[in-house]
PDB file of N, CA and C in Angstrom:
ATOM      1  N   UNK A   1      -5.210 -14.752  21.817  1.00  0.00           N
ATOM      2  CA  UNK A   1      -5.858 -13.734  21.062  1.00  0.00           C
ATOM      3  C   UNK A   1      -5.991 -14.223  19.636  1.00  0.00           C
ATOM      4  N   UNK A   2      -7.165 -13.991  18.964  1.00  0.00           N
ATOM      5  CA  UNK A   2      -7.363 -14.341  17.652  1.00  0.00           C
ATOM      6  C   UNK A   2      -7.037 -13.254  16.670  1.00  0.00           C
ATOM      7  N   UNK A   3      -6.707 -13.649  15.451  1.00  0.00           N
ATOM      8  CA  UNK A   3      -6.596 -12.645  14.375  1.00  0.00           C
ATOM      9  C   UNK A   3      -7.985 -12.278  13.815  1.00  0.00           C
ATOM     10  N   UNK A   4      -8.190 -11.045  13.441  1.00  0.00           N
ATOM     11  CA  UNK A   4      -9.426 -10.670  12.904  1.00  0.00           C
ATOM     12  C   UNK A   4      -9.628 -11.421  11.588  1.00  0.00           C
ATOM     13  N   UNK A   5     -10.833 -11.957  11.415  1.00  0.00           N
ATOM     14  CA  UNK A   5     -11.172 -12.556  10.165  1.00  0.00           C
ATOM     15  C   UNK A   5     -12.519 -12.009   9.779  1.00  0.00           C
ATOM     16  N   UNK A   6     -12.836 -12.310   8.553  1.00  0.00           N
ATOM     17  CA  UNK A   6     -14.209 -11.947   8.055  1.00  0.00           C
ATOM     18  C   UNK A   6     -15.190 -13.212   7.997  1.00  0.00           C
ATOM     19  N   UNK A   7     -14.836 -14.154   8.886  1.00  0.00           N
ATOM     20  CA  UNK A   7     -15.692 -15.328   9.012  1.00  0.00           C
ATOM     21  C   UNK A   7     -16.609 -15.069  10.202  1.00  0.00           C
ATOM     22  N   UNK A   8     -17.890 -15.065   9.995  1.00  0.00           N
ATOM     23  CA  UNK A   8     -18.899 -14.778  11.020  1.00  0.00           C
ATOM     24  C   UNK A   8     -18.686 -15.741  12.270  1.00  0.00           C
ATOM     25  N   UNK A   9     -18.111 -16.898  11.990  1.00  0.00           N
ATOM     26  CA  UNK A   9     -18.019 -17.874  13.095  1.00  0.00           C
ATOM     27  C   UNK A   9     -16.905 -17.442  14.116  1.00  0.00           C
ATOM     28  N   UNK A  10     -16.055 -16.551  13.633  1.00  0.00           N
ATOM     29  CA  UNK A  10     -14.937 -16.044  14.530  1.00  0.00           C
ATOM     30  C   UNK A  10     -15.397 -14.848  15.313  1.00  0.00           C
ATOM     31  N   UNK A  11     -16.572 -14.258  14.991  1.00  0.00           N
ATOM     32  CA  UNK A  11     -17.048 -13.062  15.681  1.00  0.00           C
ATOM     33  C   UNK A  11     -17.988 -13.442  16.859  1.00  0.00           C
ATOM     34  N   UNK A  12     -18.208 -12.416  17.709  1.00  0.00           N
ATOM     35  CA  UNK A  12     -19.072 -12.617  18.826  1.00  0.00           C
ATOM     36  C   UNK A  12     -20.216 -11.580  18.576  1.00  0.00           C
ATOM     37  N   UNK A  13     -21.492 -12.142  18.468  1.00  0.00           N
ATOM     38  CA  UNK A  13     -22.521 -11.319  18.270  1.00  0.00           C
ATOM     39  C   UNK A  13     -23.275 -11.119  19.621  1.00  0.00           C
ATOM     40  N   UNK A  14     -23.357  -9.865  19.998  1.00  0.00           N
ATOM     41  CA  UNK A  14     -23.860  -9.520  21.333  1.00  0.00           C
ATOM     42  C   UNK A  14     -25.299  -8.895  21.239  1.00  0.00           C
ATOM     43  N   UNK A  15     -26.281  -9.463  21.899  1.00  0.00           N
ATOM     44  CA  UNK A  15     -27.617  -8.867  21.947  1.00  0.00           C
ATOM     45  C   UNK A  15     -27.557  -7.737  22.961  1.00  0.00           C
ATOM     46  N   UNK A  16     -27.844  -6.550  22.523  1.00  0.00           N
ATOM     47  CA  UNK A  16     -27.733  -5.379  23.377  1.00  0.00           C
ATOM     48  C   UNK A  16     -29.110  -4.949  23.865  1.00  0.00           C
ATOM     49  N   UNK A  17     -30.158  -5.777  23.569  1.00  0.00           N
ATOM     50  CA  UNK A  17     -31.518  -5.596  24.023  1.00  0.00           C
ATOM     51  C   UNK A  17     -31.532  -5.705  25.547  1.00  0.00           C
ATOM     52  N   UNK A  18     -32.583  -5.024  26.120  1.00  0.00           N
ATOM     53  CA  UNK A  18     -32.751  -5.223  27.550  1.00  0.00           C
ATOM     54  C   UNK A  18     -34.130  -5.714  27.834  1.00  0.00           C
ATOM     55  N   UNK A  19     -34.206  -6.360  29.024  1.00  0.00           N
ATOM     56  CA  UNK A  19     -35.518  -6.948  29.402  1.00  0.00           C
ATOM     57  C   UNK A  19     -36.056  -8.023  28.528  1.00  0.00           C
ATOM     58  N   UNK A  20     -35.135  -8.895  28.058  1.00  0.00           N
ATOM     59  CA  UNK A  20     -35.508  -9.925  27.168  1.00  0.00           C
ATOM     60  C   UNK A  20     -35.825  -9.594  25.660  1.00  0.00           C
ATOM     61  N   UNK A  21     -35.608  -8.292  25.378  1.00  0.00           N
ATOM     62  CA  UNK A  21     -35.871  -7.907  23.999  1.00  0.00           C
ATOM     63  C   UNK A  21     -34.720  -8.347  23.058  1.00  0.00           C
ATOM     64  N   UNK A  22     -35.022  -8.517  21.877  1.00  0.00           N
ATOM     65  CA  UNK A  22     -33.987  -8.955  20.871  1.00  0.00           C
ATOM     66  C   UNK A  22     -33.578  -7.732  20.114  1.00  0.00           C
ATOM     67  N   UNK A  23     -32.234  -7.458  20.126  1.00  0.00           N
ATOM     68  CA  UNK A  23     -31.611  -6.490  19.329  1.00  0.00           C
ATOM     69  C   UNK A  23     -31.736  -5.124  20.121  1.00  0.00           C
ATOM     70  N   UNK A  24     -30.997  -4.129  19.629  1.00  0.00           N
ATOM     71  CA  UNK A  24     -30.010  -4.269  18.559  1.00  0.00           C
ATOM     72  C   UNK A  24     -28.837  -5.110  18.996  1.00  0.00           C
ATOM     73  N   UNK A  25     -27.956  -5.299  17.887  1.00  0.00           N
ATOM     74  CA  UNK A  25     -26.838  -6.204  18.064  1.00  0.00           C
ATOM     75  C   UNK A  25     -25.530  -5.562  17.794  1.00  0.00           C
ATOM     76  N   UNK A  26     -24.460  -6.041  18.466  1.00  0.00           N
ATOM     77  CA  UNK A  26     -23.101  -5.662  18.159  1.00  0.00           C
ATOM     78  C   UNK A  26     -22.284  -6.869  17.712  1.00  0.00           C
ATOM     79  N   UNK A  27     -21.411  -6.633  16.844  1.00  0.00           N
ATOM     80  CA  UNK A  27     -20.522  -7.745  16.289  1.00  0.00           C
ATOM     81  C   UNK A  27     -19.105  -7.429  16.671  1.00  0.00           C
ATOM     82  N   UNK A  28     -18.569  -8.192  17.550  1.00  0.00           N
ATOM     83  CA  UNK A  28     -17.200  -7.972  18.036  1.00  0.00           C
ATOM     84  C   UNK A  28     -16.300  -9.079  17.736  1.00  0.00           C
ATOM     85  N   UNK A  29     -15.024  -8.791  17.771  1.00  0.00           N
ATOM     86  CA  UNK A  29     -13.962  -9.826  17.636  1.00  0.00           C
ATOM     87  C   UNK A  29     -12.760  -9.423  18.467  1.00  0.00           C
ATOM     88  N   UNK A  30     -11.872 -10.334  18.729  1.00  0.00           N
ATOM     89  CA  UNK A  30     -10.647 -10.039  19.408  1.00  0.00           C
ATOM     90  C   UNK A  30      -9.653  -9.410  18.366  1.00  0.00           C
ATOM     91  N   UNK A  31      -8.794  -8.594  18.784  1.00  0.00           N
ATOM     92  CA  UNK A  31      -7.894  -7.898  17.888  1.00  0.00           C
ATOM     93  C   UNK A  31      -6.451  -8.506  17.995  1.00  0.00           C
ATOM     94  N   UNK A  32      -5.933  -8.921  16.889  1.00  0.00           N
ATOM     95  CA  UNK A  32      -4.569  -9.318  16.775  1.00  0.00           C
ATOM     96  C   UNK A  32      -4.079  -8.884  15.469  1.00  0.00           C
ATOM     97  N   UNK A  33      -3.864  -7.641  15.252  1.00  0.00           N
ATOM     98  CA  UNK A  33      -3.530  -7.105  13.968  1.00  0.00           C
ATOM     99  C   UNK A  33      -2.598  -5.997  14.100  1.00  0.00           C
ATOM    100  N   UNK A  34      -1.620  -5.973  13.231  1.00  0.00           N
ATOM    101  CA  UNK A  34      -0.654  -4.805  13.233  1.00  0.00           C
ATOM    102  C   UNK A  34      -1.274  -3.548  12.602  1.00  0.00           C
ATOM    103  N   UNK A  35      -2.401  -3.715  11.985  1.00  0.00           N
ATOM    104  CA  UNK A  35      -3.008  -2.622  11.300  1.00  0.00           C
ATOM    105  C   UNK A  35      -3.802  -1.780  12.265  1.00  0.00           C
ATOM    106  N   UNK A  36      -4.087  -2.247  13.467  1.00  0.00           N
ATOM    107  CA  UNK A  36      -4.909  -1.440  14.396  1.00  0.00           C
ATOM    108  C   UNK A  36      -4.360  -1.696  15.799  1.00  0.00           C
ATOM    109  N   UNK A  37      -4.252  -0.608  16.573  1.00  0.00           N
ATOM    110  CA  UNK A  37      -3.854  -0.799  17.985  1.00  0.00           C
ATOM    111  C   UNK A  37      -5.118  -0.728  18.814  1.00  0.00           C
ATOM    112  N   UNK A  38      -5.411  -1.851  19.520  1.00  0.00           N
ATOM    113  CA  UNK A  38      -6.597  -1.889  20.259  1.00  0.00           C
ATOM    114  C   UNK A  38      -6.266  -1.833  21.801  1.00  0.00           C
ATOM    115  N   UNK A  39      -6.917  -0.913  22.429  1.00  0.00           N
ATOM    116  CA  UNK A  39      -6.659  -0.727  23.831  1.00  0.00           C
ATOM    117  C   UNK A  39      -7.192  -1.892  24.648  1.00  0.00           C
ATOM    118  N   UNK A  40      -8.361  -2.384  24.407  1.00  0.00           N
ATOM    119  CA  UNK A  40      -8.997  -3.506  25.095  1.00  0.00           C
ATOM    120  C   UNK A  40      -9.061  -4.763  24.272  1.00  0.00           C
ATOM    121  N   UNK A  41      -8.404  -4.792  23.117  1.00  0.00           N
ATOM    122  CA  UNK A  41      -8.357  -5.878  22.276  1.00  0.00           C
ATOM    123  C   UNK A  41      -9.807  -6.271  21.696  1.00  0.00           C
ATOM    124  N   UNK A  42     -10.709  -5.264  21.716  1.00  0.00           N
ATOM    125  CA  UNK A  42     -12.018  -5.496  21.031  1.00  0.00           C
ATOM    126  C   UNK A  42     -12.189  -4.608  19.883  1.00  0.00           C
ATOM    127  N   UNK A  43     -12.546  -5.242  18.790  1.00  0.00           N
ATOM    128  CA  UNK A  43     -12.853  -4.469  17.628  1.00  0.00           C
ATOM    129  C   UNK A  43     -14.284  -4.822  17.288  1.00  0.00           C
ATOM    130  N   UNK A  44     -14.941  -3.909  16.567  1.00  0.00           N
ATOM    131  CA  UNK A  44     -16.321  -4.142  16.122  1.00  0.00           C
ATOM    132  C   UNK A  44     -16.466  -3.891  14.660  1.00  0.00           C
ATOM    133  N   UNK A  45     -17.405  -4.487  14.084  1.00  0.00           N
ATOM    134  CA  UNK A  45     -17.734  -4.435  12.692  1.00  0.00           C
ATOM    135  C   UNK A  45     -18.916  -3.556  12.504  1.00  0.00           C
ATOM    136  N   UNK A  46     -18.753  -2.271  12.138  1.00  0.00           N
ATOM    137  CA  UNK A  46     -19.872  -1.394  11.834  1.00  0.00           C
ATOM    138  C   UNK A  46     -20.584  -1.912  10.602  1.00  0.00           C
ATOM    139  N   UNK A  47     -21.847  -1.499  10.301  1.00  0.00           N
ATOM    140  CA  UNK A  47     -22.426  -1.998   9.052  1.00  0.00           C
ATOM    141  C   UNK A  47     -21.683  -1.709   7.724  1.00  0.00           C
ATOM    142  N   UNK A  48     -20.678  -0.805   7.735  1.00  0.00           N
ATOM    143  CA  UNK A  48     -19.964  -0.671   6.456  1.00  0.00           C
ATOM    144  C   UNK A  48     -18.936  -1.785   6.285  1.00  0.00           C
ATOM    145  N   UNK A  49     -18.790  -2.614   7.343  1.00  0.00           N
ATOM    146  CA  UNK A  49     -17.899  -3.872   7.195  1.00  0.00           C
ATOM    147  C   UNK A  49     -16.419  -3.704   7.476  1.00  0.00           C
ATOM    148  N   UNK A  50     -16.026  -2.444   7.852  1.00  0.00           N
ATOM    149  CA  UNK A  50     -14.636  -2.306   8.190  1.00  0.00           C
ATOM    150  C   UNK A  50     -14.511  -2.372   9.696  1.00  0.00           C
ATOM    151  N   UNK A  51     -13.554  -3.223  10.135  1.00  0.00           N
ATOM    152  CA  UNK A  51     -13.360  -3.374  11.615  1.00  0.00           C
ATOM    153  C   UNK A  51     -12.724  -2.177  12.130  1.00  0.00           C
ATOM    154  N   UNK A  52     -13.116  -1.786  13.371  1.00  0.00           N
ATOM    155  CA  UNK A  52     -12.599  -0.569  14.074  1.00  0.00           C
ATOM    156  C   UNK A  52     -12.518  -0.878  15.516  1.00  0.00           C
ATOM    157  N   UNK A  53     -11.528  -0.233  16.175  1.00  0.00           N
ATOM    158  CA  UNK A  53     -11.362  -0.293  17.592  1.00  0.00           C
ATOM    159  C   UNK A  53     -12.679   0.239  18.271  1.00  0.00           C
ATOM    160  N   UNK A  54     -13.304  -0.532  19.155  1.00  0.00           N
ATOM    161  CA  UNK A  54     -14.507  -0.206  19.871  1.00  0.00           C
ATOM    162  C   UNK A  54     -14.313   1.230  20.533  1.00  0.00           C
ATOM    163  N   UNK A  55     -13.118   1.424  21.123  1.00  0.00           N
ATOM    164  CA  UNK A  55     -12.886   2.645  21.881  1.00  0.00           C
ATOM    165  C   UNK A  55     -12.918   3.940  21.101  1.00  0.00           C
ATOM    166  N   UNK A  56     -12.769   3.762  19.736  1.00  0.00           N
ATOM    167  CA  UNK A  56     -12.849   4.941  18.871  1.00  0.00           C
ATOM    168  C   UNK A  56     -14.242   5.621  18.893  1.00  0.00           C
ATOM    169  N   UNK A  57     -15.248   4.700  19.229  1.00  0.00           N
ATOM    170  CA  UNK A  57     -16.654   5.184  19.323  1.00  0.00           C
ATOM    171  C   UNK A  57     -16.879   5.492  20.745  1.00  0.00           C
ATOM    172  N   UNK A  58     -16.431   4.728  21.713  1.00  0.00           N
ATOM    173  CA  UNK A  58     -16.759   4.940  23.133  1.00  0.00           C
ATOM    174  C   UNK A  58     -16.163   6.159  23.640  1.00  0.00           C
ATOM    175  N   UNK A  59     -15.048   6.631  23.122  1.00  0.00           N
ATOM    176  CA  UNK A  59     -14.411   7.860  23.602  1.00  0.00           C
ATOM    177  C   UNK A  59     -15.067   9.149  23.229  1.00  0.00           C
ATOM    178  N   UNK A  60     -16.007   9.080  22.252  1.00  0.00           N
ATOM    179  CA  UNK A  60     -16.657  10.274  21.706  1.00  0.00           C
ATOM    180  C   UNK A  60     -17.574  10.971  22.672  1.00  0.00           C
ATOM    181  N   UNK A  61     -18.041  10.260  23.728  1.00  0.00           N
ATOM    182  CA  UNK A  61     -18.926  10.890  24.704  1.00  0.00           C
ATOM    183  C   UNK A  61     -20.303  11.189  24.203  1.00  0.00           C
ATOM    184  N   UNK A  62     -20.708  10.640  23.087  1.00  0.00           N
ATOM    185  CA  UNK A  62     -22.022  10.906  22.473  1.00  0.00           C
ATOM    186  C   UNK A  62     -22.667   9.521  22.294  1.00  0.00           C
ATOM    187  N   UNK A  63     -23.739   9.290  22.953  1.00  0.00           N
ATOM    188  CA  UNK A  63     -24.436   8.030  22.740  1.00  0.00           C
ATOM    189  C   UNK A  63     -24.814   7.669  21.357  1.00  0.00           C
ATOM    190  N   UNK A  64     -25.149   8.747  20.606  1.00  0.00           N
ATOM    191  CA  UNK A  64     -25.531   8.431  19.179  1.00  0.00           C
ATOM    192  C   UNK A  64     -24.413   7.967  18.334  1.00  0.00           C
ATOM    193  N   UNK A  65     -23.211   8.165  18.825  1.00  0.00           N
ATOM    194  CA  UNK A  65     -22.003   7.621  18.104  1.00  0.00           C
ATOM    195  C   UNK A  65     -22.039   6.164  18.066  1.00  0.00           C
ATOM    196  N   UNK A  66     -22.533   5.560  19.161  1.00  0.00           N
ATOM    197  CA  UNK A  66     -22.574   4.095  19.268  1.00  0.00           C
ATOM    198  C   UNK A  66     -23.637   3.453  18.333  1.00  0.00           C
ATOM    199  N   UNK A  67     -24.559   4.312  17.848  1.00  0.00           N
ATOM    200  CA  UNK A  67     -25.603   3.844  16.876  1.00  0.00           C
ATOM    201  C   UNK A  67     -24.902   3.373  15.579  1.00  0.00           C
ATOM    202  N   UNK A  68     -23.781   3.898  15.321  1.00  0.00           N
ATOM    203  CA  UNK A  68     -23.038   3.560  14.037  1.00  0.00           C
ATOM    204  C   UNK A  68     -22.441   2.189  14.086  1.00  0.00           C
ATOM    205  N   UNK A  69     -22.385   1.561  15.242  1.00  0.00           N
ATOM    206  CA  UNK A  69     -21.704   0.208  15.341  1.00  0.00           C
ATOM    207  C   UNK A  69     -22.673  -0.854  15.741  1.00  0.00           C
ATOM    208  N   UNK A  70     -24.013  -0.573  15.564  1.00  0.00           N
ATOM    209  CA  UNK A  70     -24.960  -1.675  15.947  1.00  0.00           C
ATOM    210  C   UNK A  70     -25.768  -2.035  14.724  1.00  0.00           C
ATOM    211  N   UNK A  71     -26.306  -3.243  14.795  1.00  0.00           N
ATOM    212  CA  UNK A  71     -27.091  -3.760  13.724  1.00  0.00           C
ATOM    213  C   UNK A  71     -28.517  -3.964  14.367  1.00  0.00           C
ATOM    214  N   UNK A  72     -29.519  -3.693  13.504  1.00  0.00           N
ATOM    215  CA  UNK A  72     -30.958  -3.896  13.937  1.00  0.00           C
ATOM    216  C   UNK A  72     -31.311  -5.359  14.136  1.00  0.00           C
ATOM    217  N   UNK A  73     -30.736  -6.224  13.223  1.00  0.00           N
ATOM    218  CA  UNK A  73     -31.124  -7.627  13.288  1.00  0.00           C
ATOM    219  C   UNK A  73     -29.859  -8.512  13.030  1.00  0.00           C
ATOM    220  N   UNK A  74     -29.983  -9.737  13.419  1.00  0.00           N
ATOM    221  CA  UNK A  74     -28.835 -10.678  13.072  1.00  0.00           C
ATOM    222  C   UNK A  74     -28.737 -10.898  11.611  1.00  0.00           C
ATOM    223  N   UNK A  75     -29.849 -10.779  10.890  1.00  0.00           N
ATOM    224  CA  UNK A  75     -29.811 -10.935   9.418  1.00  0.00           C
ATOM    225  C   UNK A  75     -29.018  -9.880   8.759  1.00  0.00           C
ATOM    226  N   UNK A  76     -29.024  -8.691   9.360  1.00  0.00           N
ATOM    227  CA  UNK A  76     -28.240  -7.544   8.865  1.00  0.00           C
ATOM    228  C   UNK A  76     -26.690  -7.896   9.021  1.00  0.00           C
ATOM    229  N   UNK A  77     -26.410  -8.519  10.162  1.00  0.00           N
ATOM    230  CA  UNK A  77     -25.023  -8.951  10.391  1.00  0.00           C
ATOM    231  C   UNK A  77     -24.572  -9.989   9.344  1.00  0.00           C
ATOM    232  N   UNK A  78     -25.368 -11.023   9.136  1.00  0.00           N
ATOM    233  CA  UNK A  78     -25.097 -12.049   8.136  1.00  0.00           C
ATOM    234  C   UNK A  78     -24.864 -11.425   6.745  1.00  0.00           C
ATOM    235  N   UNK A  79     -25.769 -10.485   6.378  1.00  0.00           N
ATOM    236  CA  UNK A  79     -25.659  -9.874   5.048  1.00  0.00           C
ATOM    237  C   UNK A  79     -24.421  -9.123   4.944  1.00  0.00           C
ATOM    238  N   UNK A  80     -24.015  -8.406   5.982  1.00  0.00           N
ATOM    239  CA  UNK A  80     -22.762  -7.651   6.001  1.00  0.00           C
ATOM    240  C   UNK A  80     -21.483  -8.586   5.856  1.00  0.00           C
ATOM    241  N   UNK A  81     -21.493  -9.692   6.642  1.00  0.00           N
ATOM    242  CA  UNK A  81     -20.494 -10.636   6.462  1.00  0.00           C
ATOM    243  C   UNK A  81     -20.360 -11.288   5.119  1.00  0.00           C
ATOM    244  N   UNK A  82     -21.571 -11.351   4.463  1.00  0.00           N
ATOM    245  CA  UNK A  82     -21.581 -11.966   3.087  1.00  0.00           C
ATOM    246  C   UNK A  82     -20.998 -11.054   1.971  1.00  0.00           C
ATOM    247  N   UNK A  83     -20.868  -9.733   2.360  1.00  0.00           N
ATOM    248  CA  UNK A  83     -20.317  -8.741   1.427  1.00  0.00           C
ATOM    249  C   UNK A  83     -18.781  -8.431   1.716  1.00  0.00           C
ATOM    250  N   UNK A  84     -18.246  -8.973   2.788  1.00  0.00           N
ATOM    251  CA  UNK A  84     -16.883  -8.618   3.133  1.00  0.00           C
ATOM    252  C   UNK A  84     -15.859  -9.255   2.259  1.00  0.00           C
ATOM    253  N   UNK A  85     -14.791  -8.520   2.085  1.00  0.00           N
ATOM    254  CA  UNK A  85     -13.706  -9.052   1.240  1.00  0.00           C
ATOM    255  C   UNK A  85     -13.027 -10.217   1.972  1.00  0.00           C
ATOM    256  N   UNK A  86     -12.275 -10.961   1.267  1.00  0.00           N
ATOM    257  CA  UNK A  86     -11.593 -12.152   1.826  1.00  0.00           C
ATOM    258  C   UNK A  86     -10.641 -11.644   3.008  1.00  0.00           C
ATOM    259  N   UNK A  87      -9.900 -10.550   2.768  1.00  0.00           N
ATOM    260  CA  UNK A  87      -9.051 -10.066   3.772  1.00  0.00           C
ATOM    261  C   UNK A  87      -9.638  -8.907   4.588  1.00  0.00           C
ATOM    262  N   UNK A  88      -9.656  -8.994   5.917  1.00  0.00           N
ATOM    263  CA  UNK A  88     -10.355  -7.955   6.720  1.00  0.00           C
ATOM    264  C   UNK A  88      -9.807  -6.612   6.421  1.00  0.00           C
ATOM    265  N   UNK A  89     -10.660  -5.547   6.357  1.00  0.00           N
ATOM    266  CA  UNK A  89     -10.205  -4.277   6.263  1.00  0.00           C
ATOM    267  C   UNK A  89     -10.453  -3.571   7.620  1.00  0.00           C
ATOM    268  N   UNK A  90      -9.509  -2.791   8.010  1.00  0.00           N
ATOM    269  CA  UNK A  90      -9.495  -2.140   9.302  1.00  0.00           C
ATOM    270  C   UNK A  90      -9.510  -0.630   9.101  1.00  0.00           C
ATOM    271  N   UNK A  91     -10.450   0.099   9.701  1.00  0.00           N
ATOM    272  CA  UNK A  91     -10.477   1.515   9.683  1.00  0.00           C
ATOM    273  C   UNK A  91      -9.803   1.957  10.940  1.00  0.00           C
ATOM    274  N   UNK A  92      -8.693   2.748  10.745  1.00  0.00           N
ATOM    275  CA  UNK A  92      -7.891   3.272  11.854  1.00  0.00           C
ATOM    276  C   UNK A  92      -8.453   4.612  12.281  1.00  0.00           C
ATOM    277  N   UNK A  93      -9.323   4.547  13.269  1.00  0.00           N
ATOM    278  CA  UNK A  93      -9.913   5.805  13.874  1.00  0.00           C
ATOM    279  C   UNK A  93      -9.187   6.187  15.132  1.00  0.00           C
ATOM    280  N   UNK A  94      -9.062   7.486  15.335  1.00  0.00           N
ATOM    281  CA  UNK A  94      -8.357   7.955  16.547  1.00  0.00           C
ATOM    282  C   UNK A  94      -9.159   7.582  17.845  1.00  0.00           C
ATOM    283  N   UNK A  95      -8.415   7.291  18.943  1.00  0.00           N
ATOM    284  CA  UNK A  95      -9.048   7.105  20.189  1.00  0.00           C
ATOM    285  C   UNK A  95      -8.591   8.178  21.086  1.00  0.00           C
ATOM    286  N   UNK A  96      -9.496   8.911  21.684  1.00  0.00           N
ATOM    287  CA  UNK A  96      -9.287   9.993  22.625  1.00  0.00           C
ATOM    288  C   UNK A  96      -9.179   9.418  23.997  1.00  0.00           C
ATOM    289  N   UNK A  97      -7.941   9.365  24.610  1.00  0.00           N
ATOM    290  CA  UNK A  97      -7.766   8.793  25.868  1.00  0.00           C
ATOM    291  C   UNK A  97      -8.597   9.603  26.908  1.00  0.00           C
ATOM    292  N   UNK A  98      -8.580  10.933  26.844  1.00  0.00           N
ATOM    293  CA  UNK A  98      -9.336  11.680  27.757  1.00  0.00           C
ATOM    294  C   UNK A  98     -10.874  11.369  27.731  1.00  0.00           C
ATOM    295  N   UNK A  99     -11.321  11.171  26.537  1.00  0.00           N
ATOM    296  CA  UNK A  99     -12.711  10.795  26.423  1.00  0.00           C
ATOM    297  C   UNK A  99     -13.068   9.496  27.055  1.00  0.00           C
ATOM    298  N   UNK A 100     -12.071   8.493  26.890  1.00  0.00           N
ATOM    299  CA  UNK A 100     -12.345   7.205  27.517  1.00  0.00           C
ATOM    300  C   UNK A 100     -12.391   7.356  29.084  1.00  0.00           C
ATOM    301  N   UNK A 101     -11.485   8.167  29.612  1.00  0.00           N
ATOM    302  CA  UNK A 101     -11.542   8.356  31.098  1.00  0.00           C
ATOM    303  C   UNK A 101     -12.773   9.087  31.613  1.00  0.00           C
ATOM    304  N   UNK A 102     -13.266  10.003  30.767  1.00  0.00           N
ATOM    305  CA  UNK A 102     -14.514  10.717  31.162  1.00  0.00           C
ATOM    306  C   UNK A 102     -15.748   9.799  31.068  1.00  0.00           C
ATOM    307  N   UNK A 103     -15.714   8.853  30.148  1.00  0.00           N
ATOM    308  CA  UNK A 103     -16.886   8.007  29.978  1.00  0.00           C
ATOM    309  C   UNK A 103     -16.940   6.937  30.992  1.00  0.00           C
TER     310      UNK A 103
END
C-alpha cells in the first residue's frame, strides 16, 4: 500500500465515461495514512484538493453526492494537483456503515 502523496504520478485517474466517451474522471489513490481510516483503502481527491475516503461519498445514497468527487476533464485534475500543498491534506468525513450496506 502506498502513502498518499500530492504527486499526480502516484494517483490513478479513472475515466468514468461510458460507451467510449471521455470523462468525467475520478482521481484515486491507495490509503496509507494515520490521518484517515479507509475501509477499502481508496481515497479520492475532490476538486478542492483534500483527499477523502471514497466511502464517505458512497454511503450517502445520493447519486449527486458523487458529483463532488469527479472532474470534467483531465486538465482539471492536473490544475488541481498543481495547486496542492507539498504535504497531502486529508478531510476526515464520516462513513455511514448502514449507508454502505444499503448501496
